[in-house]
Amino acid sequence: MSQRVLLEEVSVGYGGTSVLDSLDLDLPAGSFTALLGPSGCGKSTVLGSVAGFVVPDGGRVTTGSAPVREPGPDRGVVFQHYALFPWRTARGNVEFALKRLGLPRGERRRRALAALAEVGLAQGAEKYPAQLSGGMQQRVALARALAAEPEVLLLDEPFGALDTLTRTRMQALLRELWQRRGTTVLFVTHDIDEALALAQRVVVLGGTPGRVLADHAVPEGPPDPDLRALIARHLHSLPTG
């Protein structure tokens, strides 16, 4: 299942500072889009607007045909910091997130175990976060988002705290899950290589307030060095300081 995500003339400000100004972005149902840009350009604000955590000052955000006014189970979110309850097992963390759906206990357990198995953590279901590596904890966070069977998956630099090898493995897992499920994915990152390795499309955000600087389709196959160089030029053209 998947939904189209549409941002139309979205403006957001904090403390008198404009973060986004009349930003437009269209994510087709089932697409995988990387939102790339430097820190402070509004990437997380875009994601928060789609998630329902941020209420725009102007414009509108819709998923499917419904306006986004608050968080909902149709949108799963994964952050860089796992935010797991240390006193709950991996299964318990996933089950807890399903309580808002009003599912009976047996169904919550079934979904939690299925999601953990899908991310390759079936054997760690009864372990506590302190017994899991960083990569495993992020798998739990991903399972927690997937267990609700969202139509849109939002990820805010989810692999930024992982070592290089674990990060590469998690990228491969995410790509595999997307191909299997067909969920609409918005992936926020500041890493060009990560964006090109994962996404069908790279949207470059920059400036203050944030605006779309470039929008590139990513060809299938090995990374395109010319496209990487072009995106790098977009980023390097931004003012610093």
C-alpha atoms as a PDB file:
ATOM      1  CA  MET A   1       0.000   0.000   0.000  1.00  0.00           C
ATOM      2  CA  SER A   2       1.159   3.523  -0.705  1.00  0.00           C
ATOM      3  CA  GLN A   3      -0.101   7.078  -0.941  1.00  0.00           C
ATOM      4  CA  ARG A   4       0.842  10.143  -2.912  1.00  0.00           C
ATOM      5  CA  VAL A   5       2.308  12.918  -0.752  1.00  0.00           C
ATOM      6  CA  LEU A   6       1.769  16.496  -1.863  1.00  0.00           C
ATOM      7  CA  LEU A   7       3.127  19.705  -0.338  1.00  0.00           C
ATOM      8  CA  GLU A   8       1.652  22.862  -1.828  1.00  0.00           C
ATOM      9  CA  GLU A   9       3.136  26.293  -1.050  1.00  0.00           C
ATOM     10  CA  VAL A  10       4.132  25.132   2.426  1.00  0.00           C
ATOM     11  CA  SER A  11       5.569  27.838   4.666  1.00  0.00           C
ATOM     12  CA  VAL A  12       6.919  27.303   8.189  1.00  0.00           C
ATOM     13  CA  GLY A  13       8.586  29.742  10.558  1.00  0.00           C
ATOM     14  CA  TYR A  14      10.101  29.503  14.032  1.00  0.00           C
ATOM     15  CA  GLY A  15      10.628  32.490  16.304  1.00  0.00           C
ATOM     16  CA  GLY A  16      10.258  34.974  13.496  1.00  0.00           C
ATOM     17  CA  THR A  17      12.644  33.095  11.188  1.00  0.00           C
ATOM     18  CA  SER A  18      11.260  31.625   7.973  1.00  0.00           C
ATOM     19  CA  VAL A  19      12.383  27.997   7.538  1.00  0.00           C
ATOM     20  CA  LEU A  20      10.289  27.092   4.491  1.00  0.00           C
ATOM     21  CA  ASP A  21       8.627  29.564   2.127  1.00  0.00           C
ATOM     22  CA  SER A  22       5.992  28.413  -0.368  1.00  0.00           C
ATOM     23  CA  LEU A  23       7.667  25.052  -0.901  1.00  0.00           C
ATOM     24  CA  ASP A  24       6.098  22.627  -3.404  1.00  0.00           C
ATOM     25  CA  LEU A  25       6.919  18.928  -3.490  1.00  0.00           C
ATOM     26  CA  ASP A  26       5.076  16.024  -5.102  1.00  0.00           C
ATOM     27  CA  LEU A  27       5.949  12.444  -4.109  1.00  0.00           C
ATOM     28  CA  PRO A  28       4.116   9.887  -6.290  1.00  0.00           C
ATOM     29  CA  ALA A  29       2.624   6.856  -4.586  1.00  0.00           C
ATOM     30  CA  GLY A  30       5.200   4.097  -4.208  1.00  0.00           C
ATOM     31  CA  SER A  31       8.182   6.346  -4.958  1.00  0.00           C
ATOM     32  CA  PHE A  32      11.465   6.536  -3.028  1.00  0.00           C
ATOM     33  CA  THR A  33      12.677  10.129  -2.710  1.00  0.00           C
ATOM     34  CA  ALA A  34      15.794  11.347  -0.933  1.00  0.00           C
ATOM     35  CA  LEU A  35      15.655  14.890   0.417  1.00  0.00           C
ATOM     36  CA  LEU A  36      19.245  16.088   0.436  1.00  0.00           C
ATOM     37  CA  GLY A  37      20.776  19.239   1.828  1.00  0.00           C
ATOM     38  CA  PRO A  38      23.007  20.797   4.480  1.00  0.00           C
ATOM     39  CA  SER A  39      22.044  21.149   8.132  1.00  0.00           C
ATOM     40  CA  GLY A  40      19.521  23.891   8.795  1.00  0.00           C
ATOM     41  CA  CYS A  41      17.968  24.003   5.321  1.00  0.00           C
ATOM     42  CA  GLY A  42      14.564  22.724   6.449  1.00  0.00           C
ATOM     43  CA  LYS A  43      14.800  19.023   5.541  1.00  0.00           C
ATOM     44  CA  SER A  44      13.522  17.807   8.908  1.00  0.00           C
ATOM     45  CA  THR A  45      10.791  20.463   8.832  1.00  0.00           C
ATOM     46  CA  VAL A  46       9.542  19.080   5.517  1.00  0.00           C
ATOM     47  CA  LEU A  47       9.477  15.592   6.986  1.00  0.00           C
ATOM     48  CA  GLY A  48       7.812  16.838  10.170  1.00  0.00           C
ATOM     49  CA  SER A  49       5.120  18.545   8.107  1.00  0.00           C
ATOM     50  CA  VAL A  50       4.293  15.289   6.340  1.00  0.00           C
ATOM     51  CA  ALA A  51       4.408  13.354   9.620  1.00  0.00           C
ATOM     52  CA  GLY A  52       1.999  15.803  11.238  1.00  0.00           C
ATOM     53  CA  PHE A  53       4.467  16.959  13.896  1.00  0.00           C
ATOM     54  CA  VAL A  54       4.789  20.427  12.339  1.00  0.00           C
ATOM     55  CA  VAL A  55       1.755  22.543  11.442  1.00  0.00           C
ATOM     56  CA  PRO A  56       2.592  24.826   8.486  1.00  0.00           C
ATOM     57  CA  ASP A  57       1.914  28.543   8.754  1.00  0.00           C
ATOM     58  CA  GLY A  58       0.734  28.495   5.162  1.00  0.00           C
ATOM     59  CA  GLY A  59      -0.010  26.063   2.353  1.00  0.00           C
ATOM     60  CA  ARG A  60      -1.146  22.501   2.811  1.00  0.00           C
ATOM     61  CA  VAL A  61       0.128  18.939   3.013  1.00  0.00           C
ATOM     62  CA  THR A  62      -1.920  15.958   1.845  1.00  0.00           C
ATOM     63  CA  THR A  63      -1.382  12.204   1.833  1.00  0.00           C
ATOM     64  CA  GLY A  64      -3.664  10.476  -0.598  1.00  0.00           C
ATOM     65  CA  SER A  65      -6.591  12.896  -0.696  1.00  0.00           C
ATOM     66  CA  ALA A  66      -6.599  13.681   3.029  1.00  0.00           C
ATOM     67  CA  PRO A  67      -5.053  16.815   4.543  1.00  0.00           C
ATOM     68  CA  VAL A  68      -2.381  16.200   7.174  1.00  0.00           C
ATOM     69  CA  ARG A  69      -3.367  17.789  10.479  1.00  0.00           C
ATOM     70  CA  GLU A  70      -1.753  15.454  12.998  1.00  0.00           C
ATOM     71  CA  PRO A  71       0.318  12.247  13.179  1.00  0.00           C
ATOM     72  CA  GLY A  72      -1.449   9.111  11.987  1.00  0.00           C
ATOM     73  CA  PRO A  73      -0.835   5.374  11.502  1.00  0.00           C
ATOM     74  CA  ASP A  74      -0.774   5.798   7.716  1.00  0.00           C
ATOM     75  CA  ARG A  75       2.649   7.467   8.166  1.00  0.00           C
ATOM     76  CA  GLY A  76       5.512   5.643   9.865  1.00  0.00           C
ATOM     77  CA  VAL A  77       8.509   7.629  11.109  1.00  0.00           C
ATOM     78  CA  VAL A  78      12.080   6.517  11.846  1.00  0.00           C
ATOM     79  CA  PHE A  79      14.561   8.932  13.437  1.00  0.00           C
ATOM     80  CA  GLN A  80      18.349   8.844  13.825  1.00  0.00           C
ATOM     81  CA  HIS A  81      17.927   8.245  17.552  1.00  0.00           C
ATOM     82  CA  TYR A  82      16.120   4.986  18.172  1.00  0.00           C
ATOM     83  CA  ALA A  83      13.991   6.221  21.135  1.00  0.00           C
ATOM     84  CA  LEU A  84      13.375   2.691  22.411  1.00  0.00           C
ATOM     85  CA  PHE A  85      12.038   2.021  25.889  1.00  0.00           C
ATOM     86  CA  PRO A  86      14.984   0.390  27.705  1.00  0.00           C
ATOM     87  CA  TRP A  87      12.665  -1.587  29.981  1.00  0.00           C
ATOM     88  CA  ARG A  88      10.812  -3.242  27.081  1.00  0.00           C
ATOM     89  CA  THR A  89      12.105  -5.991  24.841  1.00  0.00           C
ATOM     90  CA  ALA A  90      12.383  -5.495  21.088  1.00  0.00           C
ATOM     91  CA  ARG A  91       8.979  -7.144  20.709  1.00  0.00           C
ATOM     92  CA  GLY A  92       7.571  -5.054  23.548  1.00  0.00           C
ATOM     93  CA  ASN A  93       8.747  -1.822  21.921  1.00  0.00           C
ATOM     94  CA  VAL A  94       7.051  -2.717  18.647  1.00  0.00           C
ATOM     95  CA  GLU A  95       3.886  -3.914  20.374  1.00  0.00           C
ATOM     96  CA  PHE A  96       3.648  -0.728  22.429  1.00  0.00           C
ATOM     97  CA  ALA A  97       3.605   1.367  19.246  1.00  0.00           C
ATOM     98  CA  LEU A  98       0.659  -0.699  17.982  1.00  0.00           C
ATOM     99  CA  LYS A  99      -1.554   0.057  20.979  1.00  0.00           C
ATOM    100  CA  ARG A 100      -2.807   3.259  19.354  1.00  0.00           C
ATOM    101  CA  LEU A 101      -4.440   1.106  16.644  1.00  0.00           C
ATOM    102  CA  GLY A 102      -6.692  -0.571  19.197  1.00  0.00           C
ATOM    103  CA  LEU A 103      -5.595  -4.044  18.136  1.00  0.00           C
ATOM    104  CA  PRO A 104      -6.127  -7.008  20.461  1.00  0.00           C
ATOM    105  CA  ARG A 105      -3.043  -8.272  22.278  1.00  0.00           C
ATOM    106  CA  GLY A 106      -2.658 -11.363  20.101  1.00  0.00           C
ATOM    107  CA  GLU A 107      -2.714  -9.327  16.891  1.00  0.00           C
ATOM    108  CA  ARG A 108      -0.183  -6.853  18.292  1.00  0.00           C
ATOM    109  CA  ARG A 109       2.138  -9.735  19.124  1.00  0.00           C
ATOM    110  CA  ARG A 110       1.702 -11.301  15.690  1.00  0.00           C
ATOM    111  CA  ARG A 111       2.441  -8.049  13.888  1.00  0.00           C
ATOM    112  CA  ALA A 112       5.422  -7.251  16.094  1.00  0.00           C
ATOM    113  CA  LEU A 113       7.036 -10.645  15.534  1.00  0.00           C
ATOM    114  CA  ALA A 114       6.360 -10.473  11.786  1.00  0.00           C
ATOM    115  CA  ALA A 115       7.914  -6.997  11.526  1.00  0.00           C
ATOM    116  CA  LEU A 116      10.985  -8.036  13.518  1.00  0.00           C
ATOM    117  CA  ALA A 117      11.400 -11.083  11.287  1.00  0.00           C
ATOM    118  CA  GLU A 118      11.096  -8.855   8.208  1.00  0.00           C
ATOM    119  CA  VAL A 119      14.029  -6.721   9.363  1.00  0.00           C
ATOM    120  CA  GLY A 120      16.098  -9.803  10.244  1.00  0.00           C
ATOM    121  CA  LEU A 121      15.708  -9.621  14.010  1.00  0.00           C
ATOM    122  CA  ALA A 122      13.485 -12.593  14.773  1.00  0.00           C
ATOM    123  CA  GLN A 123      16.126 -14.082  17.072  1.00  0.00           C
ATOM    124  CA  GLY A 124      16.393 -10.855  19.064  1.00  0.00           C
ATOM    125  CA  ALA A 125      12.694 -10.341  19.749  1.00  0.00           C
ATOM    126  CA  GLU A 126      13.011 -10.991  23.490  1.00  0.00           C
ATOM    127  CA  LYS A 127      16.202  -8.990  23.997  1.00  0.00           C
ATOM    128  CA  TYR A 128      16.320  -5.554  25.613  1.00  0.00           C
ATOM    129  CA  PRO A 129      17.835  -2.525  23.845  1.00  0.00           C
ATOM    130  CA  ALA A 130      20.969  -2.654  26.015  1.00  0.00           C
ATOM    131  CA  GLN A 131      21.594  -6.175  24.692  1.00  0.00           C
ATOM    132  CA  LEU A 132      21.422  -5.015  21.062  1.00  0.00           C
ATOM    133  CA  SER A 133      23.985  -3.240  18.885  1.00  0.00           C
ATOM    134  CA  GLY A 134      23.220   0.140  17.350  1.00  0.00           C
ATOM    135  CA  GLY A 135      22.305  -1.470  14.055  1.00  0.00           C
ATOM    136  CA  MET A 136      19.984  -3.917  15.777  1.00  0.00           C
ATOM    137  CA  GLN A 137      18.305  -1.130  17.720  1.00  0.00           C
ATOM    138  CA  GLN A 138      17.694   0.726  14.487  1.00  0.00           C
ATOM    139  CA  ARG A 139      16.164  -2.454  13.059  1.00  0.00           C
ATOM    140  CA  VAL A 140      13.754  -2.442  16.003  1.00  0.00           C
ATOM    141  CA  ALA A 141      12.899   1.202  15.264  1.00  0.00           C
ATOM    142  CA  LEU A 142      12.295   0.306  11.623  1.00  0.00           C
ATOM    143  CA  ALA A 143      10.158  -2.707  12.605  1.00  0.00           C
ATOM    144  CA  ARG A 144       8.167  -0.458  14.931  1.00  0.00           C
ATOM    145  CA  ALA A 145       7.334   1.839  12.015  1.00  0.00           C
ATOM    146  CA  LEU A 146       6.553  -1.016   9.610  1.00  0.00           C
ATOM    147  CA  ALA A 147       4.346  -3.003  11.995  1.00  0.00           C
ATOM    148  CA  ALA A 148       1.497  -0.505  11.602  1.00  0.00           C
ATOM    149  CA  GLU A 149       1.636  -1.163   7.827  1.00  0.00           C
ATOM    150  CA  PRO A 150       1.990   2.527   6.899  1.00  0.00           C
ATOM    151  CA  GLU A 151       1.399   3.794   3.394  1.00  0.00           C
ATOM    152  CA  VAL A 152       4.137   6.418   3.772  1.00  0.00           C
ATOM    153  CA  LEU A 153       7.501   5.825   5.464  1.00  0.00           C
ATOM    154  CA  LEU A 154       9.433   8.883   6.663  1.00  0.00           C
ATOM    155  CA  LEU A 155      13.086   8.534   7.696  1.00  0.00           C
ATOM    156  CA  ASP A 156      15.146  11.377   9.168  1.00  0.00           C
ATOM    157  CA  GLU A 157      18.853  10.517   8.795  1.00  0.00           C
ATOM    158  CA  PRO A 158      18.168   7.098  10.351  1.00  0.00           C
ATOM    159  CA  PHE A 159      21.621   5.637   9.723  1.00  0.00           C
ATOM    160  CA  GLY A 160      23.741   8.670  10.605  1.00  0.00           C
ATOM    161  CA  ALA A 161      24.952   7.270  13.938  1.00  0.00           C
ATOM    162  CA  LEU A 162      25.940   3.851  12.573  1.00  0.00           C
ATOM    163  CA  ASP A 163      29.383   2.646  11.522  1.00  0.00           C
ATOM    164  CA  THR A 164      30.069   2.370   7.800  1.00  0.00           C
ATOM    165  CA  LEU A 165      29.539  -1.387   7.475  1.00  0.00           C
ATOM    166  CA  THR A 166      26.318  -1.412   9.501  1.00  0.00           C
ATOM    167  CA  ARG A 167      25.073   1.629   7.615  1.00  0.00           C
ATOM    168  CA  THR A 168      25.624  -0.103   4.270  1.00  0.00           C
ATOM    169  CA  ARG A 169      23.734  -3.169   5.483  1.00  0.00           C
ATOM    170  CA  MET A 170      20.832  -1.058   6.737  1.00  0.00           C
ATOM    171  CA  GLN A 171      20.666   0.800   3.436  1.00  0.00           C
ATOM    172  CA  ALA A 172      20.422  -2.509   1.580  1.00  0.00           C
ATOM    173  CA  LEU A 173      17.708  -3.699   3.976  1.00  0.00           C
ATOM    174  CA  LEU A 174      15.669  -0.517   3.531  1.00  0.00           C
ATOM    175  CA  ARG A 175      15.896  -0.705  -0.237  1.00  0.00           C
ATOM    176  CA  GLU A 176      14.794  -4.364  -0.140  1.00  0.00           C
ATOM    177  CA  LEU A 177      11.848  -3.560   2.140  1.00  0.00           C
ATOM    178  CA  TRP A 178      10.739  -0.728  -0.130  1.00  0.00           C
ATOM    179  CA  GLN A 179      10.903  -2.937  -3.215  1.00  0.00           C
ATOM    180  CA  ARG A 180       8.870  -5.608  -1.434  1.00  0.00           C
ATOM    181  CA  ARG A 181       6.233  -3.346   0.116  1.00  0.00           C
ATOM    182  CA  GLY A 182       5.955  -0.514  -2.415  1.00  0.00           C
ATOM    183  CA  THR A 183       5.519   2.053   0.354  1.00  0.00           C
ATOM    184  CA  THR A 184       6.041   5.727  -0.484  1.00  0.00           C
ATOM    185  CA  VAL A 185       9.387   6.673   1.104  1.00  0.00           C
ATOM    186  CA  LEU A 186      10.800  10.096   1.984  1.00  0.00           C
ATOM    187  CA  PHE A 187      14.392   9.775   3.222  1.00  0.00           C
ATOM    188  CA  VAL A 188      16.172  12.805   4.692  1.00  0.00           C
ATOM    189  CA  THR A 189      19.972  12.850   4.488  1.00  0.00           C
ATOM    190  CA  HIS A 190      22.937  15.184   4.037  1.00  0.00           C
ATOM    191  CA  ASP A 191      25.027  12.434   2.376  1.00  0.00           C
ATOM    192  CA  ILE A 192      25.116  12.492  -1.445  1.00  0.00           C
ATOM    193  CA  ASP A 193      26.314   8.893  -1.769  1.00  0.00           C
ATOM    194  CA  GLU A 194      23.580   7.618   0.543  1.00  0.00           C
ATOM    195  CA  ALA A 195      20.927   9.475  -1.437  1.00  0.00           C
ATOM    196  CA  LEU A 196      22.168   8.063  -4.742  1.00  0.00           C
ATOM    197  CA  ALA A 197      22.499   4.528  -3.366  1.00  0.00           C
ATOM    198  CA  LEU A 198      18.932   4.422  -2.074  1.00  0.00           C
ATOM    199  CA  ALA A 199      16.553   6.663  -3.950  1.00  0.00           C
ATOM    200  CA  GLN A 200      14.844   6.821  -7.317  1.00  0.00           C
ATOM    201  CA  ARG A 201      14.917  10.579  -7.077  1.00  0.00           C
ATOM    202  CA  VAL A 202      17.044  13.148  -5.255  1.00  0.00           C
ATOM    203  CA  VAL A 203      15.560  16.506  -4.315  1.00  0.00           C
ATOM    204  CA  VAL A 204      18.190  19.041  -3.246  1.00  0.00           C
ATOM    205  CA  LEU A 205      17.047  21.536  -0.631  1.00  0.00           C
ATOM    206  CA  GLY A 206      19.002  24.601   0.392  1.00  0.00           C
ATOM    207  CA  GLY A 207      18.953  28.229   1.350  1.00  0.00           C
ATOM    208  CA  THR A 208      17.227  30.172   4.108  1.00  0.00           C
ATOM    209  CA  PRO A 209      14.319  29.792   3.928  1.00  0.00           C
ATOM    210  CA  GLY A 210      14.657  26.334   2.424  1.00  0.00           C
ATOM    211  CA  ARG A 211      13.774  25.901  -1.232  1.00  0.00           C
ATOM    212  CA  VAL A 212      14.134  23.207  -3.865  1.00  0.00           C
ATOM    213  CA  LEU A 213      17.386  23.820  -5.729  1.00  0.00           C
ATOM    214  CA  ALA A 214      17.303  20.756  -7.956  1.00  0.00           C
ATOM    215  CA  ASP A 215      15.279  17.614  -8.607  1.00  0.00           C
ATOM    216  CA  HIS A 216      17.039  14.673 -10.268  1.00  0.00           C
ATOM    217  CA  ALA A 217      15.892  11.210 -11.274  1.00  0.00           C
ATOM    218  CA  VAL A 218      18.458   8.573 -10.278  1.00  0.00           C
ATOM    219  CA  PRO A 219      19.173   6.051 -13.056  1.00  0.00           C
ATOM    220  CA  GLU A 220      19.210   2.346 -12.259  1.00  0.00           C
ATOM    221  CA  GLY A 221      22.581   0.624 -12.097  1.00  0.00           C
ATOM    222  CA  PRO A 222      25.949   1.729 -10.734  1.00  0.00           C
ATOM    223  CA  PRO A 223      26.240   5.246  -9.272  1.00  0.00           C
ATOM    224  CA  ASP A 224      26.518   7.927 -11.937  1.00  0.00           C
ATOM    225  CA  PRO A 225      29.647  10.048 -11.233  1.00  0.00           C
ATOM    226  CA  ASP A 226      28.369  12.877 -13.411  1.00  0.00           C
ATOM    227  CA  LEU A 227      25.114  13.087 -11.446  1.00  0.00           C
ATOM    228  CA  ARG A 228      27.043  12.993  -8.176  1.00  0.00           C
ATOM    229  CA  ALA A 229      29.268  15.838  -9.359  1.00  0.00           C
ATOM    230  CA  LEU A 230      26.229  17.874 -10.454  1.00  0.00           C
ATOM    231  CA  ILE A 231      24.508  17.459  -7.080  1.00  0.00           C
ATOM    232  CA  ALA A 232      27.751  18.342  -5.298  1.00  0.00           C
ATOM    233  CA  ARG A 233      27.907  21.571  -7.312  1.00  0.00           C
ATOM    234  CA  HIS A 234      24.365  22.433  -6.224  1.00  0.00           C
ATOM    235  CA  LEU A 235      25.387  22.010  -2.582  1.00  0.00           C
ATOM    236  CA  HIS A 236      28.700  23.836  -2.924  1.00  0.00           C
ATOM    237  CA  SER A 237      26.923  26.815  -4.483  1.00  0.00           C
ATOM    238  CA  LEU A 238      25.083  27.454  -1.209  1.00  0.00           C
ATOM    239  CA  PRO A 239      26.305  30.308   0.979  1.00  0.00           C
ATOM    240  CA  THR A 240      28.012  29.281   4.217  1.00  0.00           C
ATOM    241  CA  GLY A 241      28.020  30.855   7.661  1.00  0.00           C
END
